[in-house]
Amino acid sequence: MTISQKELKKSKDLVEKLLKVNGNKYNDWLHQQHQQFIEENQDLILQALSAFTGQEEEEKSEPKVNEQVSVRPTSIPVTQN
């Protein structure tokens, strides 16, 4: 659903006026709405962070398939007694 800028402004103005009548500020209310949304989606946020950190650890511990590891033979000098 796409909301036009005109509709959005109309809704915002109405909410601001209603909040002001009740002695509240729009930005404080908006911040509270953001916090509530974050709390309601906390499980999703934690899952995403776990997947990200798990993936990051996996990449560090396992070489990539197309990554070649070069192993050079070392020679041990032979000494005569």
PDB file of N, CA and C in Angstrom:
ATOM      1  N   MET A   1       0.841  -1.171   0.000  1.00  0.00           N
ATOM      2  CA  MET A   1       0.000   0.000   0.000  1.00  0.00           C
ATOM      3  C   MET A   1       0.892   1.243   0.000  1.00  0.00           C
ATOM      4  N   THR A   2       0.679   2.092  -0.963  1.00  0.00           N
ATOM      5  CA  THR A   2       1.447   3.317  -1.072  1.00  0.00           C
ATOM      6  C   THR A   2       0.623   4.479  -0.538  1.00  0.00           C
ATOM      7  N   ILE A   3       1.255   5.263   0.311  1.00  0.00           N
ATOM      8  CA  ILE A   3       0.592   6.417   0.914  1.00  0.00           C
ATOM      9  C   ILE A   3       1.197   7.672   0.306  1.00  0.00           C
ATOM     10  N   SER A   4       0.349   8.567  -0.127  1.00  0.00           N
ATOM     11  CA  SER A   4       0.844   9.809  -0.717  1.00  0.00           C
ATOM     12  C   SER A   4       1.374  10.728   0.381  1.00  0.00           C
ATOM     13  N   GLN A   5       2.221  11.653  -0.009  1.00  0.00           N
ATOM     14  CA  GLN A   5       2.780  12.612   0.938  1.00  0.00           C
ATOM     15  C   GLN A   5       1.679  13.462   1.567  1.00  0.00           C
ATOM     16  N   LYS A   6       0.654  13.759   0.782  1.00  0.00           N
ATOM     17  CA  LYS A   6      -0.465  14.555   1.282  1.00  0.00           C
ATOM     18  C   LYS A   6      -1.203  13.807   2.395  1.00  0.00           C
ATOM     19  N   GLU A   7      -1.467  12.504   2.172  1.00  0.00           N
ATOM     20  CA  GLU A   7      -2.154  11.688   3.190  1.00  0.00           C
ATOM     21  C   GLU A   7      -1.293  11.537   4.439  1.00  0.00           C
ATOM     22  N   LEU A   8      -0.017  11.340   4.237  1.00  0.00           N
ATOM     23  CA  LEU A   8       0.902  11.188   5.357  1.00  0.00           C
ATOM     24  C   LEU A   8       0.952  12.457   6.203  1.00  0.00           C
ATOM     25  N   LYS A   9       1.040  13.608   5.551  1.00  0.00           N
ATOM     26  CA  LYS A   9       1.080  14.873   6.280  1.00  0.00           C
ATOM     27  C   LYS A   9      -0.224  15.099   7.044  1.00  0.00           C
ATOM     28  N   LYS A  10      -1.342  14.765   6.422  1.00  0.00           N
ATOM     29  CA  LYS A  10      -2.641  14.943   7.069  1.00  0.00           C
ATOM     30  C   LYS A  10      -2.731  14.085   8.340  1.00  0.00           C
ATOM     31  N   SER A  11      -2.292  12.836   8.244  1.00  0.00           N
ATOM     32  CA  SER A  11      -2.313  11.944   9.412  1.00  0.00           C
ATOM     33  C   SER A  11      -1.381  12.446  10.504  1.00  0.00           C
ATOM     34  N   LYS A  12      -0.189  12.857  10.095  1.00  0.00           N
ATOM     35  CA  LYS A  12       0.797  13.343  11.069  1.00  0.00           C
ATOM     36  C   LYS A  12       0.272  14.578  11.794  1.00  0.00           C
ATOM     37  N   ASP A  13      -0.284  15.521  11.036  1.00  0.00           N
ATOM     38  CA  ASP A  13      -0.812  16.742  11.651  1.00  0.00           C
ATOM     39  C   ASP A  13      -1.912  16.421  12.664  1.00  0.00           C
ATOM     40  N   LEU A  14      -2.782  15.489  12.313  1.00  0.00           N
ATOM     41  CA  LEU A  14      -3.870  15.110  13.216  1.00  0.00           C
ATOM     42  C   LEU A  14      -3.320  14.473  14.492  1.00  0.00           C
ATOM     43  N   VAL A  15      -2.362  13.563  14.331  1.00  0.00           N
ATOM     44  CA  VAL A  15      -1.762  12.903  15.502  1.00  0.00           C
ATOM     45  C   VAL A  15      -1.042  13.931  16.376  1.00  0.00           C
ATOM     46  N   GLU A  16      -0.301  14.844  15.751  1.00  0.00           N
ATOM     47  CA  GLU A  16       0.396  15.888  16.520  1.00  0.00           C
ATOM     48  C   GLU A  16      -0.587  16.719  17.345  1.00  0.00           C
ATOM     49  N   LYS A  17      -1.719  17.089  16.749  1.00  0.00           N
ATOM     50  CA  LYS A  17      -2.710  17.892  17.456  1.00  0.00           C
ATOM     51  C   LYS A  17      -3.354  17.113  18.599  1.00  0.00           C
ATOM     52  N   LEU A  18      -3.651  15.839  18.346  1.00  0.00           N
ATOM     53  CA  LEU A  18      -4.247  15.007  19.405  1.00  0.00           C
ATOM     54  C   LEU A  18      -3.273  14.817  20.565  1.00  0.00           C
ATOM     55  N   LEU A  19      -2.023  14.596  20.242  1.00  0.00           N
ATOM     56  CA  LEU A  19      -1.016  14.422  21.290  1.00  0.00           C
ATOM     57  C   LEU A  19      -0.838  15.711  22.090  1.00  0.00           C
ATOM     58  N   LYS A  20      -0.834  16.842  21.393  1.00  0.00           N
ATOM     59  CA  LYS A  20      -0.661  18.132  22.068  1.00  0.00           C
ATOM     60  C   LYS A  20      -1.808  18.391  23.036  1.00  0.00           C
ATOM     61  N   VAL A  21      -3.026  18.037  22.635  1.00  0.00           N
ATOM     62  CA  VAL A  21      -4.194  18.200  23.515  1.00  0.00           C
ATOM     63  C   VAL A  21      -4.006  17.391  24.792  1.00  0.00           C
ATOM     64  N   ASN A  22      -3.372  16.219  24.657  1.00  0.00           N
ATOM     65  CA  ASN A  22      -3.136  15.346  25.811  1.00  0.00           C
ATOM     66  C   ASN A  22      -1.827  15.665  26.539  1.00  0.00           C
ATOM     67  N   GLY A  23      -1.117  16.723  26.082  1.00  0.00           N
ATOM     68  CA  GLY A  23       0.117  17.120  26.756  1.00  0.00           C
ATOM     69  C   GLY A  23       1.333  16.312  26.360  1.00  0.00           C
ATOM     70  N   ASN A  24       1.281  15.674  25.206  1.00  0.00           N
ATOM     71  CA  ASN A  24       2.412  14.867  24.741  1.00  0.00           C
ATOM     72  C   ASN A  24       3.027  15.486  23.498  1.00  0.00           C
ATOM     73  N   LYS A  25       4.294  15.151  23.258  1.00  0.00           N
ATOM     74  CA  LYS A  25       4.990  15.649  22.072  1.00  0.00           C
ATOM     75  C   LYS A  25       5.061  14.545  21.017  1.00  0.00           C
ATOM     76  N   TYR A  26       4.948  14.952  19.767  1.00  0.00           N
ATOM     77  CA  TYR A  26       4.947  13.999  18.652  1.00  0.00           C
ATOM     78  C   TYR A  26       6.234  13.175  18.602  1.00  0.00           C
ATOM     79  N   ASN A  27       7.385  13.830  18.731  1.00  0.00           N
ATOM     80  CA  ASN A  27       8.662  13.106  18.643  1.00  0.00           C
ATOM     81  C   ASN A  27       8.822  12.086  19.777  1.00  0.00           C
ATOM     82  N   ASP A  28       8.335  12.431  20.970  1.00  0.00           N
ATOM     83  CA  ASP A  28       8.389  11.472  22.078  1.00  0.00           C
ATOM     84  C   ASP A  28       7.509  10.262  21.777  1.00  0.00           C
ATOM     85  N   TRP A  29       6.320  10.526  21.250  1.00  0.00           N
ATOM     86  CA  TRP A  29       5.390   9.446  20.896  1.00  0.00           C
ATOM     87  C   TRP A  29       5.968   8.577  19.778  1.00  0.00           C
ATOM     88  N   LEU A  30       6.555   9.237  18.770  1.00  0.00           N
ATOM     89  CA  LEU A  30       7.135   8.503  17.642  1.00  0.00           C
ATOM     90  C   LEU A  30       8.281   7.612  18.108  1.00  0.00           C
ATOM     91  N   HIS A  31       9.112   8.145  18.988  1.00  0.00           N
ATOM     92  CA  HIS A  31      10.215   7.344  19.540  1.00  0.00           C
ATOM     93  C   HIS A  31       9.664   6.128  20.292  1.00  0.00           C
ATOM     94  N   GLN A  32       8.606   6.333  21.043  1.00  0.00           N
ATOM     95  CA  GLN A  32       7.981   5.232  21.775  1.00  0.00           C
ATOM     96  C   GLN A  32       7.447   4.177  20.801  1.00  0.00           C
ATOM     97  N   GLN A  33       6.880   4.614  19.689  1.00  0.00           N
ATOM     98  CA  GLN A  33       6.378   3.676  18.680  1.00  0.00           C
ATOM     99  C   GLN A  33       7.521   2.863  18.075  1.00  0.00           C
ATOM    100  N   HIS A  34       8.641   3.517  17.828  1.00  0.00           N
ATOM    101  CA  HIS A  34       9.815   2.821  17.292  1.00  0.00           C
ATOM    102  C   HIS A  34      10.312   1.771  18.283  1.00  0.00           C
ATOM    103  N   GLN A  35      10.400   2.157  19.551  1.00  0.00           N
ATOM    104  CA  GLN A  35      10.866   1.220  20.575  1.00  0.00           C
ATOM    105  C   GLN A  35       9.933   0.025  20.692  1.00  0.00           C
ATOM    106  N   GLN A  36       8.650   0.275  20.638  1.00  0.00           N
ATOM    107  CA  GLN A  36       7.665  -0.802  20.732  1.00  0.00           C
ATOM    108  C   GLN A  36       7.808  -1.755  19.545  1.00  0.00           C
ATOM    109  N   PHE A  37       8.009  -1.218  18.353  1.00  0.00           N
ATOM    110  CA  PHE A  37       8.170  -2.048  17.163  1.00  0.00           C
ATOM    111  C   PHE A  37       9.430  -2.904  17.259  1.00  0.00           C
ATOM    112  N   ILE A  38      10.510  -2.309  17.757  1.00  0.00           N
ATOM    113  CA  ILE A  38      11.761  -3.048  17.940  1.00  0.00           C
ATOM    114  C   ILE A  38      11.563  -4.183  18.946  1.00  0.00           C
ATOM    115  N   GLU A  39      10.908  -3.893  20.056  1.00  0.00           N
ATOM    116  CA  GLU A  39      10.654  -4.919  21.075  1.00  0.00           C
ATOM    117  C   GLU A  39       9.788  -6.045  20.525  1.00  0.00           C
ATOM    118  N   GLU A  40       8.783  -5.700  19.732  1.00  0.00           N
ATOM    119  CA  GLU A  40       7.895  -6.719  19.156  1.00  0.00           C
ATOM    120  C   GLU A  40       8.633  -7.603  18.155  1.00  0.00           C
ATOM    121  N   ASN A  41       9.704  -7.095  17.577  1.00  0.00           N
ATOM    122  CA  ASN A  41      10.462  -7.842  16.571  1.00  0.00           C
ATOM    123  C   ASN A  41      11.835  -8.267  17.080  1.00  0.00           C
ATOM    124  N   GLN A  42      11.970  -8.316  18.387  1.00  0.00           N
ATOM    125  CA  GLN A  42      13.249  -8.655  18.998  1.00  0.00           C
ATOM    126  C   GLN A  42      13.734 -10.051  18.584  1.00  0.00           C
ATOM    127  N   ASP A  43      12.817 -11.004  18.483  1.00  0.00           N
ATOM    128  CA  ASP A  43      13.218 -12.353  18.079  1.00  0.00           C
ATOM    129  C   ASP A  43      13.832 -12.348  16.680  1.00  0.00           C
ATOM    130  N   LEU A  44      13.213 -11.624  15.773  1.00  0.00           N
ATOM    131  CA  LEU A  44      13.737 -11.531  14.411  1.00  0.00           C
ATOM    132  C   LEU A  44      15.106 -10.867  14.395  1.00  0.00           C
ATOM    133  N   ILE A  45      15.264  -9.828  15.179  1.00  0.00           N
ATOM    134  CA  ILE A  45      16.547  -9.126  15.260  1.00  0.00           C
ATOM    135  C   ILE A  45      17.628 -10.062  15.791  1.00  0.00           C
ATOM    136  N   LEU A  46      17.315 -10.811  16.841  1.00  0.00           N
ATOM    137  CA  LEU A  46      18.292 -11.740  17.412  1.00  0.00           C
ATOM    138  C   LEU A  46      18.637 -12.864  16.445  1.00  0.00           C
ATOM    139  N   GLN A  47      17.646 -13.356  15.707  1.00  0.00           N
ATOM    140  CA  GLN A  47      17.901 -14.391  14.705  1.00  0.00           C
ATOM    141  C   GLN A  47      18.837 -13.871  13.622  1.00  0.00           C
ATOM    142  N   ALA A  48      18.583 -12.661  13.177  1.00  0.00           N
ATOM    143  CA  ALA A  48      19.421 -12.072  12.130  1.00  0.00           C
ATOM    144  C   ALA A  48      20.849 -11.869  12.628  1.00  0.00           C
ATOM    145  N   LEU A  49      20.992 -11.391  13.854  1.00  0.00           N
ATOM    146  CA  LEU A  49      22.328 -11.198  14.418  1.00  0.00           C
ATOM    147  C   LEU A  49      23.044 -12.523  14.602  1.00  0.00           C
ATOM    148  N   SER A  50      22.322 -13.536  15.040  1.00  0.00           N
ATOM    149  CA  SER A  50      22.924 -14.861  15.215  1.00  0.00           C
ATOM    150  C   SER A  50      23.374 -15.427  13.874  1.00  0.00           C
ATOM    151  N   ALA A  51      22.538 -15.268  12.870  1.00  0.00           N
ATOM    152  CA  ALA A  51      22.905 -15.758  11.539  1.00  0.00           C
ATOM    153  C   ALA A  51      24.123 -15.016  11.016  1.00  0.00           C
ATOM    154  N   PHE A  52      24.160 -13.725  11.241  1.00  0.00           N
ATOM    155  CA  PHE A  52      25.294 -12.925  10.784  1.00  0.00           C
ATOM    156  C   PHE A  52      26.577 -13.323  11.495  1.00  0.00           C
ATOM    157  N   THR A  53      26.529 -13.430  12.800  1.00  0.00           N
ATOM    158  CA  THR A  53      27.740 -13.779  13.542  1.00  0.00           C
ATOM    159  C   THR A  53      28.136 -15.219  13.294  1.00  0.00           C
ATOM    160  N   GLY A  54      27.189 -16.108  13.127  1.00  0.00           N
ATOM    161  CA  GLY A  54      27.500 -17.499  12.797  1.00  0.00           C
ATOM    162  C   GLY A  54      28.156 -17.612  11.441  1.00  0.00           C
ATOM    163  N   GLN A  55      27.650 -16.863  10.486  1.00  0.00           N
ATOM    164  CA  GLN A  55      28.206 -16.864   9.144  1.00  0.00           C
ATOM    165  C   GLN A  55      29.610 -16.287   9.151  1.00  0.00           C
ATOM    166  N   GLU A  56      29.811 -15.227   9.928  1.00  0.00           N
ATOM    167  CA  GLU A  56      31.111 -14.585  10.003  1.00  0.00           C
ATOM    168  C   GLU A  56      32.146 -15.537  10.591  1.00  0.00           C
ATOM    169  N   GLU A  57      31.785 -16.269  11.651  1.00  0.00           N
ATOM    170  CA  GLU A  57      32.704 -17.223  12.268  1.00  0.00           C
ATOM    171  C   GLU A  57      33.021 -18.359  11.313  1.00  0.00           C
ATOM    172  N   GLU A  58      32.012 -18.811  10.546  1.00  0.00           N
ATOM    173  CA  GLU A  58      32.203 -19.888   9.590  1.00  0.00           C
ATOM    174  C   GLU A  58      33.191 -19.470   8.516  1.00  0.00           C
ATOM    175  N   GLU A  59      33.080 -18.237   8.039  1.00  0.00           N
ATOM    176  CA  GLU A  59      33.969 -17.752   6.998  1.00  0.00           C
ATOM    177  C   GLU A  59      35.412 -17.672   7.492  1.00  0.00           C
ATOM    178  N   LYS A  60      35.610 -17.340   8.760  1.00  0.00           N
ATOM    179  CA  LYS A  60      36.958 -17.236   9.301  1.00  0.00           C
ATOM    180  C   LYS A  60      37.605 -18.608   9.450  1.00  0.00           C
ATOM    181  N   SER A  61      36.824 -19.615   9.825  1.00  0.00           N
ATOM    182  CA  SER A  61      37.400 -20.911  10.142  1.00  0.00           C
ATOM    183  C   SER A  61      37.569 -21.821   8.933  1.00  0.00           C
ATOM    184  N   GLU A  62      36.775 -21.653   7.899  1.00  0.00           N
ATOM    185  CA  GLU A  62      36.847 -22.526   6.738  1.00  0.00           C
ATOM    186  C   GLU A  62      37.336 -21.754   5.527  1.00  0.00           C
ATOM    187  N   PRO A  63      38.341 -22.315   4.806  1.00  0.00           N
ATOM    188  CA  PRO A  63      38.766 -21.638   3.585  1.00  0.00           C
ATOM    189  C   PRO A  63      37.659 -21.726   2.539  1.00  0.00           C
ATOM    190  N   LYS A  64      37.594 -20.732   1.710  1.00  0.00           N
ATOM    191  CA  LYS A  64      36.588 -20.712   0.663  1.00  0.00           C
ATOM    192  C   LYS A  64      36.922 -21.765  -0.385  1.00  0.00           C
ATOM    193  N   VAL A  65      35.920 -22.241  -1.078  1.00  0.00           N
ATOM    194  CA  VAL A  65      36.092 -23.302  -2.066  1.00  0.00           C
ATOM    195  C   VAL A  65      37.058 -22.873  -3.154  1.00  0.00           C
ATOM    196  N   ASN A  66      36.937 -21.665  -3.645  1.00  0.00           N
ATOM    197  CA  ASN A  66      37.798 -21.211  -4.725  1.00  0.00           C
ATOM    198  C   ASN A  66      39.120 -20.614  -4.228  1.00  0.00           C
ATOM    199  N   GLU A  67      39.335 -20.645  -2.943  1.00  0.00           N
ATOM    200  CA  GLU A  67      40.563 -20.113  -2.357  1.00  0.00           C
ATOM    201  C   GLU A  67      41.612 -21.217  -2.336  1.00  0.00           C
ATOM    202  N   GLN A  68      42.772 -20.959  -2.929  1.00  0.00           N
ATOM    203  CA  GLN A  68      43.824 -21.958  -2.965  1.00  0.00           C
ATOM    204  C   GLN A  68      44.812 -21.708  -1.834  1.00  0.00           C
ATOM    205  N   VAL A  69      45.211 -22.785  -1.217  1.00  0.00           N
ATOM    206  CA  VAL A  69      46.190 -22.694  -0.151  1.00  0.00           C
ATOM    207  C   VAL A  69      47.496 -23.224  -0.705  1.00  0.00           C
ATOM    208  N   SER A  70      48.503 -22.402  -0.657  1.00  0.00           N
ATOM    209  CA  SER A  70      49.800 -22.785  -1.192  1.00  0.00           C
ATOM    210  C   SER A  70      50.655 -23.387  -0.085  1.00  0.00           C
ATOM    211  N   VAL A  71      51.190 -24.588  -0.365  1.00  0.00           N
ATOM    212  CA  VAL A  71      52.068 -25.247   0.596  1.00  0.00           C
ATOM    213  C   VAL A  71      53.408 -25.469  -0.097  1.00  0.00           C
ATOM    214  N   ARG A  72      54.440 -24.860   0.439  1.00  0.00           N
ATOM    215  CA  ARG A  72      55.771 -25.001  -0.130  1.00  0.00           C
ATOM    216  C   ARG A  72      56.562 -26.008   0.693  1.00  0.00           C
ATOM    217  N   PRO A  73      57.204 -26.916   0.014  1.00  0.00           N
ATOM    218  CA  PRO A  73      58.030 -27.861   0.779  1.00  0.00           C
ATOM    219  C   PRO A  73      59.238 -27.122   1.355  1.00  0.00           C
ATOM    220  N   THR A  74      59.590 -27.478   2.539  1.00  0.00           N
ATOM    221  CA  THR A  74      60.767 -26.869   3.158  1.00  0.00           C
ATOM    222  C   THR A  74      61.918 -27.851   3.099  1.00  0.00           C
ATOM    223  N   SER A  75      63.053 -27.338   2.890  1.00  0.00           N
ATOM    224  CA  SER A  75      64.223 -28.229   2.859  1.00  0.00           C
ATOM    225  C   SER A  75      64.961 -28.119   4.176  1.00  0.00           C
ATOM    226  N   ILE A  76      65.454 -29.221   4.610  1.00  0.00           N
ATOM    227  CA  ILE A  76      66.215 -29.265   5.860  1.00  0.00           C
ATOM    228  C   ILE A  76      67.668 -29.419   5.467  1.00  0.00           C
ATOM    229  N   PRO A  77      68.466 -28.485   5.893  1.00  0.00           N
ATOM    230  CA  PRO A  77      69.883 -28.588   5.523  1.00  0.00           C
ATOM    231  C   PRO A  77      70.541 -29.821   6.159  1.00  0.00           C
ATOM    232  N   VAL A  78      71.345 -30.459   5.360  1.00  0.00           N
ATOM    233  CA  VAL A  78      72.044 -31.655   5.837  1.00  0.00           C
ATOM    234  C   VAL A  78      73.444 -31.238   6.279  1.00  0.00           C
ATOM    235  N   THR A  79      73.774 -31.588   7.499  1.00  0.00           N
ATOM    236  CA  THR A  79      75.102 -31.257   8.016  1.00  0.00           C
ATOM    237  C   THR A  79      75.919 -32.529   8.122  1.00  0.00           C
ATOM    238  N   GLN A  80      77.176 -32.399   7.856  1.00  0.00           N
ATOM    239  CA  GLN A  80      78.061 -33.555   7.962  1.00  0.00           C
ATOM    240  C   GLN A  80      78.848 -33.479   9.256  1.00  0.00           C
ATOM    241  N   ASN A  81      79.016 -34.597   9.915  1.00  0.00           N
ATOM    242  CA  ASN A  81      79.764 -34.645  11.170  1.00  0.00           C
ATOM    243  C   ASN A  81      81.134 -35.170  10.950  1.00  0.00           C
TER     244      ASN A  81
END
